[in-house]
PDB file of N, CA and C in Angstrom:
ATOM      1  N   MET A   1       0.820  -1.205   0.002  1.00  0.00           N
ATOM      2  CA  MET A   1       0.094   0.038   0.061  1.00  0.00           C
ATOM      3  C   MET A   1       0.844   1.293  -0.008  1.00  0.00           C
ATOM      4  N   MET A   2       1.868   1.330   0.948  1.00  0.00           N
ATOM      5  CA  MET A   2       2.754   2.391   0.967  1.00  0.00           C
ATOM      6  C   MET A   2       4.029   2.187   0.049  1.00  0.00           C
ATOM      7  N   ALA A   3       4.341   2.968  -0.786  1.00  0.00           N
ATOM      8  CA  ALA A   3       5.565   2.935  -1.639  1.00  0.00           C
ATOM      9  C   ALA A   3       6.807   2.950  -0.795  1.00  0.00           C
ATOM     10  N   GLU A   4       7.680   2.274  -1.161  1.00  0.00           N
ATOM     11  CA  GLU A   4       9.176   2.353  -0.417  1.00  0.00           C
ATOM     12  C   GLU A   4       9.855   3.608  -0.837  1.00  0.00           C
ATOM     13  N   THR A   5      10.198   4.254   0.393  1.00  0.00           N
ATOM     14  CA  THR A   5      10.953   5.592   0.088  1.00  0.00           C
ATOM     15  C   THR A   5      12.272   5.396   0.888  1.00  0.00           C
ATOM     16  N   PRO A   6      13.328   6.244   0.702  1.00  0.00           N
ATOM     17  CA  PRO A   6      14.581   6.176   1.348  1.00  0.00           C
ATOM     18  C   PRO A   6      14.390   6.584   2.777  1.00  0.00           C
ATOM     19  N   LEU A   7      13.454   7.483   3.126  1.00  0.00           N
ATOM     20  CA  LEU A   7      13.194   7.836   4.506  1.00  0.00           C
ATOM     21  C   LEU A   7      11.871   7.280   4.890  1.00  0.00           C
ATOM     22  N   ASP A   8      11.919   6.480   5.862  1.00  0.00           N
ATOM     23  CA  ASP A   8      10.642   5.790   6.317  1.00  0.00           C
ATOM     24  C   ASP A   8      10.158   6.573   7.564  1.00  0.00           C
ATOM     25  N   VAL A   9       9.090   7.533   7.322  1.00  0.00           N
ATOM     26  CA  VAL A   9       8.798   8.398   8.481  1.00  0.00           C
ATOM     27  C   VAL A   9       7.983   7.652   9.468  1.00  0.00           C
ATOM     28  N   MET A  10       7.524   6.397   9.126  1.00  0.00           N
ATOM     29  CA  MET A  10       6.701   5.632  10.100  1.00  0.00           C
ATOM     30  C   MET A  10       7.649   4.658  10.795  1.00  0.00           C
ATOM     31  N   SER A  11       8.936   4.745  10.639  1.00  0.00           N
ATOM     32  CA  SER A  11       9.859   3.858  11.321  1.00  0.00           C
ATOM     33  C   SER A  11       9.977   4.415  12.779  1.00  0.00           C
ATOM     34  N   ASP A  12      10.314   3.369  13.648  1.00  0.00           N
ATOM     35  CA  ASP A  12      10.518   3.797  15.008  1.00  0.00           C
ATOM     36  C   ASP A  12      11.876   4.372  15.329  1.00  0.00           C
ATOM     37  N   ALA A  13      12.801   4.485  14.090  1.00  0.00           N
ATOM     38  CA  ALA A  13      14.149   5.075  14.353  1.00  0.00           C
ATOM     39  C   ALA A  13      14.230   6.290  13.523  1.00  0.00           C
ATOM     40  N   THR A  14      13.062   6.940  13.054  1.00  0.00           N
ATOM     41  CA  THR A  14      13.213   8.239  12.377  1.00  0.00           C
ATOM     42  C   THR A  14      12.714   9.371  13.240  1.00  0.00           C
ATOM     43  N   GLY A  15      13.740  10.361  13.343  1.00  0.00           N
ATOM     44  CA  GLY A  15      13.543  11.586  14.114  1.00  0.00           C
ATOM     45  C   GLY A  15      12.844  12.607  13.220  1.00  0.00           C
ATOM     46  N   LEU A  16      11.717  13.258  13.821  1.00  0.00           N
ATOM     47  CA  LEU A  16      10.977  14.110  13.082  1.00  0.00           C
ATOM     48  C   LEU A  16      10.885  15.487  13.791  1.00  0.00           C
ATOM     49  N   ILE A  17      11.184  16.529  13.240  1.00  0.00           N
ATOM     50  CA  ILE A  17      11.069  17.983  13.715  1.00  0.00           C
ATOM     51  C   ILE A  17      10.280  18.743  12.855  1.00  0.00           C
ATOM     52  N   THR A  18       9.257  19.552  13.427  1.00  0.00           N
ATOM     53  CA  THR A  18       8.301  20.314  12.552  1.00  0.00           C
ATOM     54  C   THR A  18       8.719  21.817  12.955  1.00  0.00           C
ATOM     55  N   ILE A  19       8.754  22.507  11.906  1.00  0.00           N
ATOM     56  CA  ILE A  19       9.093  23.992  12.238  1.00  0.00           C
ATOM     57  C   ILE A  19       7.895  24.801  11.575  1.00  0.00           C
ATOM     58  N   SER A  20       7.688  26.022  12.111  1.00  0.00           N
ATOM     59  CA  SER A  20       6.755  26.983  11.660  1.00  0.00           C
ATOM     60  C   SER A  20       7.030  27.616  10.436  1.00  0.00           C
ATOM     61  N   GLY A  21       6.132  27.875   9.548  1.00  0.00           N
ATOM     62  CA  GLY A  21       6.405  28.644   8.296  1.00  0.00           C
ATOM     63  C   GLY A  21       5.753  29.862   8.251  1.00  0.00           C
ATOM     64  N   ALA A  22       4.894  30.160   9.330  1.00  0.00           N
ATOM     65  CA  ALA A  22       4.141  31.422   9.509  1.00  0.00           C
ATOM     66  C   ALA A  22       5.162  32.618   9.663  1.00  0.00           C
ATOM     67  N   PRO A  23       4.864  33.675   9.074  1.00  0.00           N
ATOM     68  CA  PRO A  23       5.742  34.823   9.042  1.00  0.00           C
ATOM     69  C   PRO A  23       6.085  35.349  10.503  1.00  0.00           C
ATOM     70  N   HIS A  24       5.210  35.273  11.343  1.00  0.00           N
ATOM     71  CA  HIS A  24       5.449  35.710  12.831  1.00  0.00           C
ATOM     72  C   HIS A  24       6.239  34.776  13.671  1.00  0.00           C
ATOM     73  N   SER A  25       6.350  33.455  13.163  1.00  0.00           N
ATOM     74  CA  SER A  25       7.069  32.465  13.950  1.00  0.00           C
ATOM     75  C   SER A  25       8.040  31.616  13.078  1.00  0.00           C
ATOM     76  N   LEU A  26       8.449  32.218  12.041  1.00  0.00           N
ATOM     77  CA  LEU A  26       9.220  31.509  10.905  1.00  0.00           C
ATOM     78  C   LEU A  26      10.439  30.822  11.697  1.00  0.00           C
ATOM     79  N   GLY A  27      10.598  29.508  11.357  1.00  0.00           N
ATOM     80  CA  GLY A  27      11.863  28.737  11.822  1.00  0.00           C
ATOM     81  C   GLY A  27      11.757  28.296  13.236  1.00  0.00           C
ATOM     82  N   ILE A  28      10.611  28.512  13.957  1.00  0.00           N
ATOM     83  CA  ILE A  28      10.447  28.162  15.372  1.00  0.00           C
ATOM     84  C   ILE A  28       9.977  26.616  15.238  1.00  0.00           C
ATOM     85  N   ILE A  29      10.607  25.872  16.236  1.00  0.00           N
ATOM     86  CA  ILE A  29      10.261  24.392  16.336  1.00  0.00           C
ATOM     87  C   ILE A  29       8.893  24.310  17.056  1.00  0.00           C
ATOM     88  N   THR A  30       7.990  23.677  16.387  1.00  0.00           N
ATOM     89  CA  THR A  30       6.550  23.407  16.759  1.00  0.00           C
ATOM     90  C   THR A  30       6.425  22.000  17.430  1.00  0.00           C
ATOM     91  N   SER A  31       7.277  21.032  17.001  1.00  0.00           N
ATOM     92  CA  SER A  31       7.085  19.768  17.573  1.00  0.00           C
ATOM     93  C   SER A  31       8.430  19.007  17.251  1.00  0.00           C
ATOM     94  N   ALA A  32       8.644  18.001  18.190  1.00  0.00           N
ATOM     95  CA  ALA A  32       9.725  17.068  17.979  1.00  0.00           C
ATOM     96  C   ALA A  32       9.259  15.721  18.553  1.00  0.00           C
ATOM     97  N   ASN A  33       9.547  14.641  17.749  1.00  0.00           N
ATOM     98  CA  ASN A  33       9.170  13.438  18.279  1.00  0.00           C
ATOM     99  C   ASN A  33      10.326  12.821  19.227  1.00  0.00           C
ATOM    100  N   PRO A  34       9.994  11.857  20.019  1.00  0.00           N
ATOM    101  CA  PRO A  34      11.032  11.397  21.039  1.00  0.00           C
ATOM    102  C   PRO A  34      12.320  10.893  20.399  1.00  0.00           C
ATOM    103  N   ILE A  35      12.177  10.365  19.118  1.00  0.00           N
ATOM    104  CA  ILE A  35      13.477   9.900  18.546  1.00  0.00           C
ATOM    105  C   ILE A  35      14.356  11.106  18.230  1.00  0.00           C
ATOM    106  N   ALA A  36      13.825  12.177  17.689  1.00  0.00           N
ATOM    107  CA  ALA A  36      14.687  13.412  17.372  1.00  0.00           C
ATOM    108  C   ALA A  36      15.200  13.901  18.629  1.00  0.00           C
ATOM    109  N   CYS A  37      14.510  13.814  19.700  1.00  0.00           N
ATOM    110  CA  CYS A  37      14.936  14.439  21.003  1.00  0.00           C
ATOM    111  C   CYS A  37      16.138  13.614  21.440  1.00  0.00           C
ATOM    112  N   ARG A  38      15.986  12.282  21.425  1.00  0.00           N
ATOM    113  CA  ARG A  38      17.101  11.368  21.703  1.00  0.00           C
ATOM    114  C   ARG A  38      18.290  11.473  20.986  1.00  0.00           C
ATOM    115  N   MET A  39      18.102  11.715  19.597  1.00  0.00           N
ATOM    116  CA  MET A  39      19.146  11.796  18.659  1.00  0.00           C
ATOM    117  C   MET A  39      20.001  13.156  18.968  1.00  0.00           C
ATOM    118  N   LEU A  40      19.393  14.167  19.349  1.00  0.00           N
ATOM    119  CA  LEU A  40      19.880  15.477  19.521  1.00  0.00           C
ATOM    120  C   LEU A  40      20.266  15.640  20.985  1.00  0.00           C
ATOM    121  N   GLY A  41      19.916  14.937  21.970  1.00  0.00           N
ATOM    122  CA  GLY A  41      20.224  14.993  23.374  1.00  0.00           C
ATOM    123  C   GLY A  41      19.488  16.134  24.040  1.00  0.00           C
ATOM    124  N   TYR A  42      18.212  16.465  23.647  1.00  0.00           N
ATOM    125  CA  TYR A  42      17.412  17.473  24.237  1.00  0.00           C
ATOM    126  C   TYR A  42      16.002  16.731  24.464  1.00  0.00           C
ATOM    127  N   SER A  43      15.365  17.453  25.566  1.00  0.00           N
ATOM    128  CA  SER A  43      14.028  16.996  25.801  1.00  0.00           C
ATOM    129  C   SER A  43      13.147  17.714  24.902  1.00  0.00           C
ATOM    130  N   ARG A  44      11.836  17.313  24.721  1.00  0.00           N
ATOM    131  CA  ARG A  44      10.993  17.899  23.875  1.00  0.00           C
ATOM    132  C   ARG A  44      10.814  19.419  24.229  1.00  0.00           C
ATOM    133  N   TRP A  45      10.693  19.716  25.537  1.00  0.00           N
ATOM    134  CA  TRP A  45      10.487  20.973  26.144  1.00  0.00           C
ATOM    135  C   TRP A  45      11.669  21.907  25.845  1.00  0.00           C
ATOM    136  N   GLN A  46      12.939  21.440  25.741  1.00  0.00           N
ATOM    137  CA  GLN A  46      14.039  22.108  25.433  1.00  0.00           C
ATOM    138  C   GLN A  46      14.056  22.557  24.050  1.00  0.00           C
ATOM    139  N   LEU A  47      13.445  21.868  23.103  1.00  0.00           N
ATOM    140  CA  LEU A  47      13.471  21.989  21.651  1.00  0.00           C
ATOM    141  C   LEU A  47      12.181  22.974  21.289  1.00  0.00           C
ATOM    142  N   GLU A  48      11.002  22.580  21.672  1.00  0.00           N
ATOM    143  CA  GLU A  48       9.884  23.350  21.216  1.00  0.00           C
ATOM    144  C   GLU A  48       9.928  24.746  21.644  1.00  0.00           C
ATOM    145  N   ARG A  49       9.395  25.606  20.738  1.00  0.00           N
ATOM    146  CA  ARG A  49       9.362  27.021  20.911  1.00  0.00           C
ATOM    147  C   ARG A  49      10.682  27.707  20.743  1.00  0.00           C
ATOM    148  N   ARG A  50      11.781  27.007  20.352  1.00  0.00           N
ATOM    149  CA  ARG A  50      12.956  27.692  20.047  1.00  0.00           C
ATOM    150  C   ARG A  50      13.201  27.770  18.577  1.00  0.00           C
ATOM    151  N   ASN A  51      14.208  28.539  18.159  1.00  0.00           N
ATOM    152  CA  ASN A  51      14.452  28.622  16.801  1.00  0.00           C
ATOM    153  C   ASN A  51      15.320  27.414  16.375  1.00  0.00           C
ATOM    154  N   ILE A  52      14.985  26.941  15.068  1.00  0.00           N
ATOM    155  CA  ILE A  52      15.531  25.718  14.569  1.00  0.00           C
ATOM    156  C   ILE A  52      17.171  25.901  14.470  1.00  0.00           C
ATOM    157  N   SER A  53      17.714  27.090  14.322  1.00  0.00           N
ATOM    158  CA  SER A  53      19.061  27.271  14.380  1.00  0.00           C
ATOM    159  C   SER A  53      19.743  26.786  15.681  1.00  0.00           C
ATOM    160  N   CYS A  54      19.061  26.508  16.695  1.00  0.00           N
ATOM    161  CA  CYS A  54      19.685  25.928  17.982  1.00  0.00           C
ATOM    162  C   CYS A  54      20.213  24.409  17.731  1.00  0.00           C
ATOM    163  N   ILE A  55      19.764  23.990  16.600  1.00  0.00           N
ATOM    164  CA  ILE A  55      20.440  22.514  16.303  1.00  0.00           C
ATOM    165  C   ILE A  55      21.113  22.529  15.208  1.00  0.00           C
ATOM    166  N   VAL A  56      21.270  23.734  14.413  1.00  0.00           N
ATOM    167  CA  VAL A  56      22.252  23.734  13.163  1.00  0.00           C
ATOM    168  C   VAL A  56      23.582  24.066  13.574  1.00  0.00           C
ATOM    169  N   PRO A  57      24.534  23.221  12.997  1.00  0.00           N
ATOM    170  CA  PRO A  57      25.895  23.540  13.419  1.00  0.00           C
ATOM    171  C   PRO A  57      26.545  24.736  12.921  1.00  0.00           C
ATOM    172  N   SER A  58      27.522  25.334  13.552  1.00  0.00           N
ATOM    173  CA  SER A  58      28.172  26.435  13.239  1.00  0.00           C
ATOM    174  C   SER A  58      29.085  26.042  11.940  1.00  0.00           C
ATOM    175  N   PRO A  59      29.261  26.853  10.946  1.00  0.00           N
ATOM    176  CA  PRO A  59      28.988  28.359  10.816  1.00  0.00           C
ATOM    177  C   PRO A  59      27.553  28.493  10.145  1.00  0.00           C
ATOM    178  N   LEU A  60      26.949  27.600   9.821  1.00  0.00           N
ATOM    179  CA  LEU A  60      25.460  27.575   9.284  1.00  0.00           C
ATOM    180  C   LEU A  60      24.639  28.307  10.254  1.00  0.00           C
ATOM    181  N   GLN A  61      24.734  27.984  11.545  1.00  0.00           N
ATOM    182  CA  GLN A  61      23.882  28.601  12.528  1.00  0.00           C
ATOM    183  C   GLN A  61      23.775  30.065  12.534  1.00  0.00           C
ATOM    184  N   GLU A  62      24.888  30.738  12.280  1.00  0.00           N
ATOM    185  CA  GLU A  62      25.002  32.255  12.237  1.00  0.00           C
ATOM    186  C   GLU A  62      24.172  32.790  10.973  1.00  0.00           C
ATOM    187  N   VAL A  63      24.067  32.030   9.958  1.00  0.00           N
ATOM    188  CA  VAL A  63      23.349  32.661   8.677  1.00  0.00           C
ATOM    189  C   VAL A  63      22.036  31.997   8.415  1.00  0.00           C
ATOM    190  N   HIS A  64      21.662  30.961   9.220  1.00  0.00           N
ATOM    191  CA  HIS A  64      20.317  30.285   9.050  1.00  0.00           C
ATOM    192  C   HIS A  64      19.127  31.161   9.026  1.00  0.00           C
ATOM    193  N   ASP A  65      18.979  32.072   9.927  1.00  0.00           N
ATOM    194  CA  ASP A  65      17.785  32.781   9.941  1.00  0.00           C
ATOM    195  C   ASP A  65      17.633  33.634   8.698  1.00  0.00           C
ATOM    196  N   SER A  66      18.724  34.267   8.168  1.00  0.00           N
ATOM    197  CA  SER A  66      18.755  35.104   6.935  1.00  0.00           C
ATOM    198  C   SER A  66      18.440  34.197   5.776  1.00  0.00           C
ATOM    199  N   PHE A  67      18.957  33.096   5.677  1.00  0.00           N
ATOM    200  CA  PHE A  67      18.525  32.115   4.734  1.00  0.00           C
ATOM    201  C   PHE A  67      17.096  31.821   4.655  1.00  0.00           C
ATOM    202  N   ILE A  68      16.380  31.488   5.886  1.00  0.00           N
ATOM    203  CA  ILE A  68      15.066  31.162   5.898  1.00  0.00           C
ATOM    204  C   ILE A  68      14.211  32.383   5.397  1.00  0.00           C
ATOM    205  N   LYS A  69      14.534  33.569   5.822  1.00  0.00           N
ATOM    206  CA  LYS A  69      13.810  34.755   5.389  1.00  0.00           C
ATOM    207  C   LYS A  69      13.930  34.983   3.930  1.00  0.00           C
ATOM    208  N   ARG A  70      15.037  34.623   3.310  1.00  0.00           N
ATOM    209  CA  ARG A  70      15.180  34.822   1.878  1.00  0.00           C
ATOM    210  C   ARG A  70      14.232  33.777   1.115  1.00  0.00           C
ATOM    211  N   CYS A  71      13.803  32.690   1.715  1.00  0.00           N
ATOM    212  CA  CYS A  71      12.954  31.705   1.123  1.00  0.00           C
ATOM    213  C   CYS A  71      11.664  32.062   1.082  1.00  0.00           C
ATOM    214  N   GLU A  72      11.194  33.008   1.987  1.00  0.00           N
ATOM    215  CA  GLU A  72       9.739  33.320   2.090  1.00  0.00           C
ATOM    216  C   GLU A  72       9.117  33.579   0.794  1.00  0.00           C
TER     217      GLU A  72
END
């Protein structure tokens, strides 16, 4: 029924993070599943409501917000 894909989002080993695309909260993490939290070493409460750049490695972290704004 479901086609095979390289990323199995239904797998118990797939970390998922959702970020907002709304202009007033662009790039803010709205949800993170337990696997993503475990992979990154944060609790859900530490990730949600923070900017996605908090998990982007340097030097991309410094320019990430301006990159997102250009994609609007």
